[in-house]
Amino acid sequence: MSDTYEVISESSQRESLLRPALFLFVILSLITGLAYPFLVTGFAQVFYPNLANGQLIEKDGQVVGSALIGQSFSQPQYFWGRPSATSPMSHNASASSGSNLGPSNPALVDAVKARAEALRLADPENKRPIPVDLVTASASGLDPHISRAAADYQLSRVSQERHLSQDQLLKLLDQHTESPLLGFIGESRVNVLKLNLALDALSAHD
C-alpha cells in the first residue's frame, strides 16, 4: 500500500506543478507574443508612422525609395553615393554586407582604383583628391549618405551636366546637409536620394 500511495502522490504532485506551468506559459505567450508587439506597433504607427514604416520617400505619389537605404546612381547628372558590396546587386537591402576584404587585399585595391577611375572619367577636369567614401563601401553596403566633402567634390560635374550654376547647387547642398549628431558626433553628411530628388525638382523649374 505504501508504494502505491507514493506513486499516486508523485503523480498528483507532477500534475499540480504542470497545470500552473502551462497556464503561465500560455499567459506569457499571449502577453509577449501578441499583446506587446501589437501595442508597440500601434504606438509607433500613431506617433511615429514615418519612422515605423522605414522612412519611405515618395515622388508623384509613388514610393521611390527609403531615406535609410542607399541607391546606385551612375549617371553624371546625379550625385553619386557610396559604393556597395552587397550581392547579387548593389544596395540590396535583403543582403546587407560589406566585402570583408582587408586593406591589403589586391581585390580591394583594384576595386578602389576602378571606382576612382570612373569618377575621373566622369569629370576629367577635376583634379581634387577624391574623398574616401566615394571609393569605399560601407560595412552594411546600404549607407544612404555621403560626406559633405564627397558632395562638394561632385559639384562641378553636376553643375556642367545640369547647366545649373554652382551657387544654385551650393544652396541646394546647404539645404540637404545634415549636421553631426548632437553637433559633434560624426561629420556633416548628405542623403544622396533626397538630394537627387531635389536636384530633379530644381532642374524641372529652370
Protein backbone atom coordinates (compact mmCIF):
# COMPACT_ATOMS: atom_id res chain seq x y z
CA MET A 1 0.00 0.00 0.00
CA SER A 2 2.75 2.44 0.89
CA ASP A 3 4.46 2.02 -2.51
CA THR A 4 1.18 2.56 -4.34
CA TYR A 5 0.46 5.62 -2.26
CA GLU A 6 3.89 7.12 -3.03
CA VAL A 7 3.40 6.61 -6.79
CA ILE A 8 -0.01 8.24 -6.71
CA SER A 9 1.35 11.08 -4.58
CA GLU A 10 4.22 11.77 -7.00
CA SER A 11 1.85 11.69 -9.98
CA SER A 12 -0.50 14.14 -8.30
CA GLN A 13 2.42 16.38 -7.43
CA ARG A 14 3.56 16.48 -11.04
CA GLU A 15 0.06 17.36 -12.21
CA SER A 16 -0.22 20.11 -9.62
CA LEU A 17 3.05 21.63 -10.90
CA LEU A 18 2.26 21.11 -14.57
CA ARG A 19 -1.05 22.97 -14.57
CA PRO A 20 0.30 26.33 -13.31
CA ALA A 21 3.38 25.97 -15.55
CA LEU A 22 1.22 25.51 -18.65
CA PHE A 23 -1.07 28.33 -17.55
CA LEU A 24 1.91 30.64 -17.08
CA PHE A 25 3.33 29.61 -20.45
CA VAL A 26 0.07 30.46 -22.23
CA ILE A 27 -0.35 33.79 -20.42
CA LEU A 28 3.24 34.91 -21.09
CA SER A 29 2.97 33.81 -24.74
CA LEU A 30 -0.14 35.93 -25.17
CA ILE A 31 1.48 38.93 -23.48
CA THR A 32 4.92 38.82 -25.09
CA GLY A 33 3.94 37.21 -28.39
CA LEU A 34 0.74 39.09 -29.18
CA ALA A 35 -0.22 41.90 -26.82
CA TYR A 36 3.20 43.56 -26.55
CA PRO A 37 4.01 43.51 -30.30
CA PHE A 38 0.54 44.86 -31.15
CA LEU A 39 0.90 47.58 -28.52
CA VAL A 40 4.36 48.69 -29.72
CA THR A 41 3.31 48.56 -33.38
CA GLY A 42 0.16 50.57 -32.69
CA PHE A 43 2.08 53.16 -30.66
CA ALA A 44 4.67 53.53 -33.44
CA GLN A 45 2.03 53.85 -36.17
CA VAL A 46 0.16 56.53 -34.23
CA PHE A 47 3.07 58.65 -33.02
CA TYR A 48 5.95 57.82 -35.43
CA PRO A 49 4.41 56.46 -38.66
CA ASN A 50 7.24 57.66 -40.91
CA LEU A 51 9.94 56.03 -38.79
CA ALA A 52 7.90 52.87 -38.24
CA ASN A 53 7.37 52.39 -41.97
CA GLY A 54 11.02 52.77 -42.95
CA GLN A 55 11.07 56.49 -43.85
CA LEU A 56 9.75 55.82 -47.33
CA ILE A 57 10.19 58.61 -49.89
CA GLU A 58 7.51 59.31 -52.48
CA LYS A 59 7.62 61.16 -55.78
CA ASP A 60 4.40 61.90 -57.67
CA GLY A 61 2.54 59.54 -55.35
CA GLN A 62 4.93 56.63 -55.98
CA VAL A 63 7.42 55.22 -53.49
CA VAL A 64 10.90 55.70 -54.96
CA GLY A 65 12.99 54.55 -52.03
CA SER A 66 13.82 54.89 -48.38
CA ALA A 67 15.82 57.55 -46.59
CA LEU A 68 17.58 54.70 -44.77
CA ILE A 69 18.80 52.72 -47.79
CA GLY A 70 21.18 53.98 -50.45
CA GLN A 71 20.64 53.62 -54.19
CA SER A 72 23.02 53.30 -57.09
CA PHE A 73 23.48 56.48 -59.16
CA SER A 74 25.96 56.33 -62.02
CA GLN A 75 24.69 58.96 -64.46
CA PRO A 76 26.88 62.08 -64.48
CA GLN A 77 23.96 64.47 -63.92
CA TYR A 78 23.38 62.98 -60.47
CA PHE A 79 25.37 62.99 -57.25
CA TRP A 80 26.82 59.53 -56.67
CA GLY A 81 26.53 57.71 -53.36
CA ARG A 82 28.81 55.30 -51.59
CA PRO A 83 29.72 52.10 -53.42
CA SER A 84 28.02 48.91 -52.24
CA ALA A 85 29.40 45.38 -51.96
CA THR A 86 26.06 43.62 -51.50
CA SER A 87 25.13 40.82 -53.88
CA PRO A 88 23.79 39.95 -56.36
CA MET A 89 23.27 43.69 -56.91
CA SER A 90 24.40 46.87 -55.20
CA HIS A 91 22.40 48.26 -52.27
CA ASN A 92 20.46 45.01 -51.86
CA ALA A 93 18.54 45.55 -48.63
CA SER A 94 17.90 41.83 -48.22
CA ALA A 95 21.63 41.02 -48.25
CA SER A 96 23.27 43.75 -46.20
CA SER A 97 27.01 43.13 -46.03
CA GLY A 98 30.44 44.52 -46.73
CA SER A 99 33.12 43.00 -48.92
CA ASN A 100 35.09 41.78 -45.86
CA LEU A 101 38.27 42.45 -47.83
CA GLY A 102 41.30 43.55 -45.82
CA PRO A 103 43.09 46.83 -46.67
CA SER A 104 46.00 44.97 -48.26
CA ASN A 105 43.80 42.66 -50.35
CA PRO A 106 44.54 43.15 -54.07
CA ALA A 107 40.83 42.80 -54.91
CA LEU A 108 40.00 45.78 -52.68
CA VAL A 109 42.84 47.83 -54.15
CA ASP A 110 41.59 47.07 -57.67
CA ALA A 111 38.00 47.96 -56.74
CA VAL A 112 39.07 51.31 -55.28
CA LYS A 113 41.16 52.08 -58.36
CA ALA A 114 38.25 51.26 -60.67
CA ARG A 115 35.87 53.49 -58.70
CA ALA A 116 38.38 56.33 -58.70
CA GLU A 117 38.87 55.93 -62.45
CA ALA A 118 35.11 56.11 -63.04
CA LEU A 119 34.96 59.38 -61.08
CA ARG A 120 37.91 60.79 -63.05
CA LEU A 121 36.37 59.82 -66.39
CA ALA A 122 33.07 61.45 -65.45
CA ASP A 123 34.83 64.71 -64.57
CA PRO A 124 38.33 64.74 -66.13
CA GLU A 125 39.00 68.39 -65.27
CA ASN A 126 38.51 67.77 -61.55
CA LYS A 127 41.99 67.32 -60.07
CA ARG A 128 40.93 67.46 -56.42
CA PRO A 129 41.62 64.49 -54.12
CA ILE A 130 38.73 62.04 -54.15
CA PRO A 131 37.02 61.68 -50.75
CA VAL A 132 37.44 58.16 -49.41
CA ASP A 133 33.71 57.49 -49.03
CA LEU A 134 33.25 57.74 -52.81
CA VAL A 135 35.58 54.80 -53.46
CA THR A 136 34.98 52.54 -50.42
CA ALA A 137 31.79 50.69 -49.49
CA SER A 138 30.24 50.93 -46.05
CA ALA A 139 30.10 47.90 -43.74
CA SER A 140 26.38 47.45 -44.43
CA GLY A 141 26.53 48.23 -48.14
CA LEU A 142 23.36 50.29 -47.68
CA ASP A 143 24.63 53.65 -46.44
CA PRO A 144 22.31 56.35 -47.84
CA HIS A 145 24.67 59.22 -47.01
CA ILE A 146 27.91 60.67 -48.27
CA SER A 147 30.06 63.23 -46.52
CA ARG A 148 29.62 66.90 -47.39
CA ALA A 149 33.16 66.75 -48.81
CA ALA A 150 32.07 63.95 -51.17
CA ALA A 151 29.11 66.02 -52.34
CA ASP A 152 31.28 69.11 -52.85
CA TYR A 153 33.72 67.05 -54.92
CA GLN A 154 30.94 66.29 -57.44
CA LEU A 155 29.66 69.85 -57.61
CA SER A 156 31.42 70.90 -60.83
CA ARG A 157 30.37 67.78 -62.75
CA VAL A 158 26.70 68.05 -61.78
CA SER A 159 26.76 71.79 -62.48
CA GLN A 160 28.01 71.23 -66.03
CA GLU A 161 25.65 68.33 -66.75
CA ARG A 162 22.58 70.14 -65.41
CA HIS A 163 23.53 73.59 -66.73
CA LEU A 164 22.98 74.98 -63.24
CA SER A 165 25.27 77.43 -61.51
CA GLN A 166 27.43 76.18 -58.68
CA ASP A 167 25.81 78.79 -56.43
CA GLN A 168 22.42 77.16 -57.06
CA LEU A 169 23.83 73.76 -56.25
CA LEU A 170 25.61 75.03 -53.15
CA LYS A 171 22.33 76.39 -51.83
CA LEU A 172 20.73 73.01 -52.52
CA LEU A 173 23.56 71.22 -50.75
CA ASP A 174 23.28 73.51 -47.73
CA GLN A 175 19.56 72.71 -47.51
CA HIS A 176 20.25 68.97 -47.53
CA THR A 177 23.32 68.83 -45.32
CA GLU A 178 22.66 67.10 -42.01
CA SER A 179 24.71 68.24 -39.03
CA PRO A 180 26.72 65.82 -36.86
CA LEU A 181 24.75 64.06 -34.13
CA LEU A 182 24.49 66.38 -31.11
CA GLY A 183 26.68 68.79 -33.02
CA PHE A 184 29.95 66.90 -32.58
CA ILE A 185 29.46 63.15 -33.17
CA GLY A 186 30.41 62.15 -36.71
CA GLU A 187 30.56 64.62 -39.57
CA SER A 188 28.23 66.60 -41.80
CA ARG A 189 26.52 64.31 -44.30
CA VAL A 190 24.10 64.40 -47.22
CA ASN A 191 21.33 61.94 -48.05
CA VAL A 192 22.00 61.18 -51.72
CA LEU A 193 18.48 60.11 -52.71
CA LYS A 194 16.87 63.18 -51.13
CA LEU A 195 19.47 65.44 -52.75
CA ASN A 196 18.99 63.95 -56.22
CA LEU A 197 15.20 64.21 -56.00
CA ALA A 198 15.56 67.88 -55.03
CA LEU A 199 18.01 68.26 -57.91
CA ASP A 200 15.46 66.89 -60.37
CA ALA A 201 12.84 69.27 -58.98
CA LEU A 202 15.23 72.22 -59.31
CA SER A 203 16.08 71.32 -62.90
CA ALA A 204 12.39 70.98 -63.76
CA HIS A 205 11.73 74.54 -62.61
CA ASP A 206 14.65 76.07 -64.54
